[in-house]
């Protein structure tokens, strides 16, 4: 058993065990998450995303250093590609961050995507809630870095930092993958490279043409909407993404990034005083948990008493089609 008191006192061993339970889908973890949830809401959650090779891990390491200098505890949730053999995180060692291993106020844990899309894992939300309740003041989420459709982090993080590097074609990928729409801050990393100023200019141009007017913003309950979006993105009204040039390997520009992070954190906290903003955030969080609960219930049904094989038998003998069988399975779930 894991003691709730141990978790709330930020016992690292108890916390590590709970995170393993969450990642493994242990049923006991759900009960603990329910008890921990009332204690959430104190930590600052920052998402670090961007294309492979942009320097996310090095930049994350620099942020750890800066927040520790401020005396704040830091937890890092590093999402990595899955091994095709073990299913574990391929980059789990996080070599760039190993110097923090002896710091009791730094906690770093890697998680494998296990095929989950969007840059996170299926359990990242639960992991972040657990770390928040345990009292970690800064929670950094480094996404897998697949470069496409990696936008899920913005629904979980309070602040989303999109890391880009000149010469990688990131400005085009930003448009293709929807990265432009999720950024609260752009970190143009490796800015000592040729083309850094051009990348900044192109980002600024895209921002200038991408946002709706301030007058239009007022009609959306304190949130900013971007054109051509299918869903509303919830962020503080009036906030326009900052663009910061950094060189993570030397630390250049990281202080400016910290300033931008502090400014957005303040804007986010101010926005949370608006009931409509808080309601929109809670809506996103609940729907995320609800989707996962539906999936888990459906998967459990299919695996119980060999229901999936019965369905496959009907498909193989041509007596039914997958659409009808899927609808019947959903109707069965409603009756359970």
Protein backbone atom coordinates (compact mmCIF):
# COMPACT_ATOMS: atom_id res chain seq x y z
CA UNK A 1 0.00 0.00 0.00
CA UNK A 2 0.97 3.62 -0.56
CA UNK A 3 0.21 6.04 2.23
CA UNK A 4 -1.67 9.20 1.25
CA UNK A 5 0.25 11.08 3.95
CA UNK A 6 3.54 9.92 2.42
CA UNK A 7 2.47 11.24 -0.98
CA UNK A 8 1.31 14.58 0.41
CA UNK A 9 4.62 14.96 2.25
CA UNK A 10 6.39 14.42 -1.11
CA UNK A 11 7.97 11.11 -0.20
CA UNK A 12 9.95 10.34 -3.36
CA UNK A 13 9.80 6.56 -2.98
CA UNK A 14 6.03 6.59 -2.50
CA UNK A 15 5.66 9.00 -5.41
CA UNK A 16 7.81 6.90 -7.74
CA UNK A 17 5.78 3.82 -6.85
CA UNK A 18 2.49 5.63 -7.55
CA UNK A 19 3.74 6.85 -10.92
CA UNK A 20 4.70 3.29 -11.82
CA UNK A 21 1.21 2.13 -10.84
CA UNK A 22 -0.33 4.88 -12.97
CA UNK A 23 1.82 3.99 -15.96
CA UNK A 24 0.99 0.29 -15.56
CA UNK A 25 -2.75 0.95 -15.29
CA UNK A 26 -2.94 -0.41 -11.74
CA UNK A 27 -6.52 -0.14 -10.40
CA UNK A 28 -5.30 1.03 -6.97
CA UNK A 29 -3.77 4.11 -8.59
CA UNK A 30 -7.22 5.41 -9.56
CA UNK A 31 -8.35 5.40 -5.92
CA UNK A 32 -5.27 7.33 -4.84
CA UNK A 33 -5.74 9.85 -7.66
CA UNK A 34 -9.27 10.53 -6.42
CA UNK A 35 -7.90 11.26 -2.95
CA UNK A 36 -5.07 13.40 -4.31
CA UNK A 37 -7.15 15.52 -6.68
CA UNK A 38 -8.43 17.98 -4.01
CA UNK A 39 -4.79 18.82 -3.29
CA UNK A 40 -3.97 19.80 -6.89
CA UNK A 41 -3.86 23.30 -8.33
CA UNK A 42 -0.77 24.65 -6.60
CA UNK A 43 1.96 23.72 -9.09
CA UNK A 44 2.99 25.59 -12.24
CA UNK A 45 2.79 23.29 -15.26
CA UNK A 46 5.00 24.11 -18.25
CA UNK A 47 4.98 22.16 -21.50
CA UNK A 48 8.12 22.02 -23.66
CA UNK A 49 7.45 20.82 -27.19
CA UNK A 50 8.99 21.09 -30.65
CA UNK A 51 10.65 19.11 -33.39
CA UNK A 52 13.44 16.56 -32.85
CA UNK A 53 16.83 18.22 -32.72
CA UNK A 54 15.52 21.59 -31.55
CA UNK A 55 17.20 21.21 -28.15
CA UNK A 56 14.21 20.56 -25.87
CA UNK A 57 16.13 18.42 -23.36
CA UNK A 58 19.02 20.88 -23.08
CA UNK A 59 16.60 23.77 -22.68
CA UNK A 60 14.68 21.83 -20.03
CA UNK A 61 17.94 21.25 -18.17
CA UNK A 62 18.64 24.99 -18.21
CA UNK A 63 15.17 25.70 -16.82
CA UNK A 64 15.77 23.22 -13.99
CA UNK A 65 18.92 25.13 -13.06
CA UNK A 66 17.13 28.49 -13.08
CA UNK A 67 14.15 27.33 -11.02
CA UNK A 68 16.41 25.63 -8.48
CA UNK A 69 18.33 28.90 -8.08
CA UNK A 70 14.97 30.44 -7.18
CA UNK A 71 14.58 27.76 -4.51
CA UNK A 72 11.70 26.01 -6.24
CA UNK A 73 11.27 22.24 -6.44
CA UNK A 74 11.09 20.85 -9.97
CA UNK A 75 9.55 17.67 -11.37
CA UNK A 76 10.16 16.67 -15.00
CA UNK A 77 7.85 14.40 -16.96
CA UNK A 78 9.85 13.37 -20.04
CA UNK A 79 7.84 11.62 -22.74
CA UNK A 80 9.98 9.45 -25.00
CA UNK A 81 9.45 7.11 -27.95
CA UNK A 82 8.73 3.49 -27.07
CA UNK A 83 11.15 0.65 -27.62
CA UNK A 84 9.64 -1.73 -30.19
CA UNK A 85 10.88 -4.64 -28.06
CA UNK A 86 10.45 -3.73 -24.39
CA UNK A 87 7.82 -1.02 -24.73
CA UNK A 88 9.93 1.18 -22.45
CA UNK A 89 11.20 4.71 -23.01
CA UNK A 90 14.10 4.68 -25.46
CA UNK A 91 15.69 7.83 -24.02
CA UNK A 92 14.82 7.07 -20.41
CA UNK A 93 18.28 7.82 -19.06
CA UNK A 94 17.94 11.53 -19.86
CA UNK A 95 21.71 11.91 -19.87
CA UNK A 96 21.61 15.69 -20.13
CA UNK A 97 19.77 15.95 -16.81
CA UNK A 98 21.73 13.41 -14.77
CA UNK A 99 23.60 16.03 -12.74
CA UNK A 100 20.32 16.68 -10.89
CA UNK A 101 20.06 13.07 -9.74
CA UNK A 102 21.42 13.86 -6.25
CA UNK A 103 19.16 16.89 -5.76
CA UNK A 104 16.22 15.95 -3.51
CA UNK A 105 14.23 18.87 -4.93
CA UNK A 106 14.42 17.59 -8.51
CA UNK A 107 12.45 14.60 -9.72
CA UNK A 108 12.85 13.31 -13.28
CA UNK A 109 10.83 10.48 -14.75
CA UNK A 110 10.64 9.24 -18.35
CA UNK A 111 7.52 7.64 -19.79
CA UNK A 112 7.09 5.74 -23.04
CA UNK A 113 4.37 6.81 -25.46
CA UNK A 114 3.38 3.17 -26.13
CA UNK A 115 1.80 4.26 -29.39
CA UNK A 116 -0.19 7.17 -27.94
CA UNK A 117 -0.32 10.15 -30.33
CA UNK A 118 -0.23 13.87 -29.55
CA UNK A 119 3.23 14.01 -27.96
CA UNK A 120 2.19 12.72 -24.52
CA UNK A 121 1.30 9.34 -23.02
CA UNK A 122 -2.17 8.13 -22.16
CA UNK A 123 -1.41 8.67 -18.46
CA UNK A 124 0.44 12.02 -18.54
CA UNK A 125 -2.53 13.93 -17.10
CA UNK A 126 -2.75 11.55 -14.13
CA UNK A 127 1.02 11.72 -13.58
CA UNK A 128 0.95 15.53 -13.55
CA UNK A 129 -2.01 15.58 -11.14
CA UNK A 130 -0.11 13.27 -8.79
CA UNK A 131 3.05 15.41 -8.90
CA UNK A 132 1.01 18.58 -8.40
CA UNK A 133 -0.75 17.14 -5.34
CA UNK A 134 2.57 15.95 -3.93
CA UNK A 135 3.75 19.55 -3.80
CA UNK A 136 6.19 19.89 -6.69
CA UNK A 137 6.18 23.61 -7.43
CA UNK A 138 7.31 23.49 -11.07
CA UNK A 139 6.27 20.62 -13.33
CA UNK A 140 8.01 20.52 -16.70
CA UNK A 141 6.52 18.28 -19.40
CA UNK A 142 8.88 17.53 -22.26
CA UNK A 143 6.97 15.99 -25.15
CA UNK A 144 8.21 13.19 -27.37
CA UNK A 145 9.26 15.49 -30.20
CA UNK A 146 7.72 13.73 -33.16
CA UNK A 147 7.20 16.98 -35.02
CA UNK A 148 3.65 16.26 -36.22
CA UNK A 149 0.32 16.61 -34.40
CA UNK A 150 2.07 17.25 -31.10
CA UNK A 151 -0.51 19.62 -29.71
CA UNK A 152 -2.02 17.70 -26.79
CA UNK A 153 0.30 19.31 -24.25
CA UNK A 154 -1.43 22.70 -24.49
CA UNK A 155 -4.60 21.28 -22.89
CA UNK A 156 -2.63 20.16 -19.83
CA UNK A 157 0.08 22.79 -19.40
CA UNK A 158 -0.52 26.27 -18.04
CA UNK A 159 2.21 27.56 -20.35
CA UNK A 160 3.35 25.92 -23.57
CA UNK A 161 6.84 26.62 -24.91
CA UNK A 162 7.43 25.64 -28.53
CA UNK A 163 11.13 25.10 -29.18
CA UNK A 164 12.36 25.70 -32.72
CA UNK A 165 15.77 25.79 -34.35
CA UNK A 166 16.83 27.50 -37.59
CA UNK A 167 17.65 25.26 -40.51
CA UNK A 168 15.28 22.42 -39.53
CA UNK A 169 12.30 23.63 -41.52
CA UNK A 170 10.45 24.24 -38.26
CA UNK A 171 8.55 27.25 -39.52
CA UNK A 172 6.83 25.07 -42.13
CA UNK A 173 6.27 22.25 -39.65
CA UNK A 174 4.72 24.76 -37.26
CA UNK A 175 1.99 25.48 -39.77
CA UNK A 176 1.48 21.82 -40.78
CA UNK A 177 1.33 20.43 -37.26
CA UNK A 178 -0.69 23.23 -35.66
CA UNK A 179 2.27 24.22 -33.48
CA UNK A 180 1.66 27.93 -34.12
CA UNK A 181 -1.72 27.72 -32.42
CA UNK A 182 -0.53 26.04 -29.21
CA UNK A 183 2.45 28.26 -28.35
CA UNK A 184 2.39 30.72 -25.48
CA UNK A 185 6.11 31.27 -25.96
CA UNK A 186 8.38 30.48 -28.91
CA UNK A 187 11.99 29.64 -28.01
CA UNK A 188 14.10 29.95 -31.14
CA UNK A 189 16.95 27.79 -29.89
CA UNK A 190 20.43 27.43 -31.39
CA UNK A 191 20.05 31.09 -32.31
CA UNK A 192 23.76 31.39 -33.01
CA UNK A 193 23.10 29.51 -36.24
CA UNK A 194 22.58 31.18 -39.56
CA UNK A 195 18.93 31.84 -40.24
CA UNK A 196 17.85 32.49 -36.64
CA UNK A 197 16.76 36.06 -37.37
CA UNK A 198 14.82 34.88 -40.40
CA UNK A 199 13.03 32.28 -38.27
CA UNK A 200 12.08 34.97 -35.76
CA UNK A 201 10.81 37.24 -38.54
CA UNK A 202 8.72 34.47 -40.09
CA UNK A 203 7.22 33.55 -36.73
CA UNK A 204 6.38 37.18 -36.07
CA UNK A 205 4.76 37.47 -39.48
CA UNK A 206 2.65 34.36 -38.85
CA UNK A 207 1.57 35.71 -35.46
CA UNK A 208 0.64 39.07 -36.97
CA UNK A 209 -1.74 37.44 -39.44
CA UNK A 210 -2.91 34.58 -37.24
CA UNK A 211 -4.72 36.20 -34.33
CA UNK A 212 -8.20 37.66 -34.31
CA UNK A 213 -8.62 41.32 -33.39
CA UNK A 214 -8.90 42.40 -29.74
CA UNK A 215 -12.53 43.36 -30.40
CA UNK A 216 -13.31 39.80 -31.50
CA UNK A 217 -11.51 38.37 -28.47
CA UNK A 218 -13.98 40.08 -26.14
CA UNK A 219 -16.79 37.88 -27.43
CA UNK A 220 -15.17 34.68 -26.25
CA UNK A 221 -15.23 34.87 -22.48
CA UNK A 222 -11.62 35.83 -21.79
CA UNK A 223 -10.00 33.44 -24.22
CA UNK A 224 -8.23 33.94 -27.51
CA UNK A 225 -9.40 32.10 -30.59
CA UNK A 226 -7.23 31.50 -33.61
CA UNK A 227 -8.67 31.53 -37.09
CA UNK A 228 -9.51 28.24 -38.80
CA UNK A 229 -9.61 26.29 -35.54
CA UNK A 230 -12.10 23.52 -34.96
CA UNK A 231 -11.87 23.83 -31.20
CA UNK A 232 -11.47 26.77 -28.87
CA UNK A 233 -8.05 27.15 -27.34
CA UNK A 234 -8.18 28.45 -23.81
CA UNK A 235 -5.54 31.03 -22.94
CA UNK A 236 -5.45 34.40 -21.14
CA UNK A 237 -7.18 37.18 -23.03
CA UNK A 238 -4.78 39.64 -24.60
CA UNK A 239 -1.75 37.35 -24.44
CA UNK A 240 0.27 37.31 -27.65
CA UNK A 241 3.01 34.66 -27.81
CA UNK A 242 6.49 35.93 -26.98
CA UNK A 243 9.44 35.02 -29.19
CA UNK A 244 12.73 34.47 -27.36
CA UNK A 245 16.11 33.61 -28.91
CA UNK A 246 18.11 31.09 -26.87
CA UNK A 247 21.29 29.03 -27.02
CA UNK A 248 20.55 26.25 -24.56
CA UNK A 249 24.06 24.80 -24.61
CA UNK A 250 25.51 28.05 -23.24
CA UNK A 251 22.48 29.41 -21.39
CA UNK A 252 22.23 32.52 -23.56
CA UNK A 253 18.69 33.88 -23.65
CA UNK A 254 17.41 31.51 -20.96
CA UNK A 255 16.99 34.38 -18.47
CA UNK A 256 14.81 36.13 -21.05
CA UNK A 257 12.83 32.91 -21.43
CA UNK A 258 12.38 32.76 -17.65
CA UNK A 259 11.04 36.32 -17.72
CA UNK A 260 8.54 35.40 -20.44
CA UNK A 261 7.48 32.33 -18.44
CA UNK A 262 6.95 34.45 -15.33
CA UNK A 263 4.86 36.95 -17.30
CA UNK A 264 2.66 34.24 -18.77
CA UNK A 265 2.27 32.52 -15.39
CA UNK A 266 1.01 35.80 -13.96
CA UNK A 267 -1.36 36.28 -16.90
CA UNK A 268 -2.64 32.73 -16.44
CA UNK A 269 -3.21 33.22 -12.71
CA UNK A 270 -5.06 36.48 -13.38
CA UNK A 271 -7.22 34.76 -16.01
CA UNK A 272 -8.11 32.02 -13.52
CA UNK A 273 -9.99 34.65 -11.52
CA UNK A 274 -12.47 34.77 -14.42
CA UNK A 275 -15.11 32.08 -13.89
CA UNK A 276 -15.55 31.48 -17.64
CA UNK A 277 -11.82 30.86 -18.06
CA UNK A 278 -11.72 28.41 -15.16
CA UNK A 279 -14.82 26.69 -16.49
CA UNK A 280 -13.25 26.26 -19.93
CA UNK A 281 -10.09 24.79 -18.39
CA UNK A 282 -12.11 22.37 -16.26
CA UNK A 283 -14.12 21.38 -19.33
CA UNK A 284 -10.93 20.40 -21.16
CA UNK A 285 -9.62 18.46 -18.17
CA UNK A 286 -12.87 16.57 -17.57
CA UNK A 287 -13.29 15.62 -21.24
CA UNK A 288 -9.74 14.26 -21.28
CA UNK A 289 -10.45 12.06 -18.25
CA UNK A 290 -13.86 11.08 -19.66
CA UNK A 291 -12.42 9.97 -23.01
CA UNK A 292 -9.87 7.78 -21.28
CA UNK A 293 -12.52 6.29 -18.99
CA UNK A 294 -14.67 5.44 -22.02
CA UNK A 295 -11.74 3.83 -23.80
CA UNK A 296 -10.75 1.80 -20.75
CA UNK A 297 -14.34 0.62 -20.24
CA UNK A 298 -14.66 -0.35 -23.90
CA UNK A 299 -11.33 -2.15 -23.95
CA UNK A 300 -12.18 -4.01 -20.75
CA UNK A 301 -15.46 -5.19 -22.32
CA UNK A 302 -13.76 -6.38 -25.51
CA UNK A 303 -11.17 -8.36 -23.56
CA UNK A 304 -13.73 -9.88 -21.16
CA UNK A 305 -14.94 -13.40 -22.02
CA UNK A 306 -13.27 -13.22 -25.42
CA UNK A 307 -15.75 -10.70 -26.88
CA UNK A 308 -13.14 -9.46 -29.35
CA UNK A 309 -12.59 -12.93 -30.80
CA UNK A 310 -16.34 -13.38 -31.20
CA UNK A 311 -16.44 -10.15 -33.16
CA UNK A 312 -13.47 -11.22 -35.28
CA UNK A 313 -15.19 -14.53 -36.06
CA UNK A 314 -18.16 -12.64 -37.51
CA UNK A 315 -15.88 -10.42 -39.55
CA UNK A 316 -13.91 -13.34 -40.92
CA UNK A 317 -16.95 -15.35 -41.97
CA UNK A 318 -18.51 -12.27 -43.58
CA UNK A 319 -21.67 -12.36 -41.46
CA UNK A 320 -21.26 -8.78 -40.23
CA UNK A 321 -19.40 -5.55 -40.90
CA UNK A 322 -17.13 -3.72 -38.40
CA UNK A 323 -19.38 -0.62 -38.25
CA UNK A 324 -22.44 -2.56 -37.13
CA UNK A 325 -20.43 -4.62 -34.65
CA UNK A 326 -18.84 -1.50 -33.18
CA UNK A 327 -22.27 0.11 -32.74
CA UNK A 328 -23.60 -3.04 -31.08
CA UNK A 329 -20.60 -3.11 -28.71
CA UNK A 330 -21.26 0.50 -27.70
CA UNK A 331 -24.96 -0.27 -27.08
CA UNK A 332 -23.92 -3.21 -24.92
CA UNK A 333 -21.67 -0.91 -22.87
CA UNK A 334 -24.63 1.39 -22.23
CA UNK A 335 -26.58 -1.52 -20.78
CA UNK A 336 -23.76 -2.73 -18.49
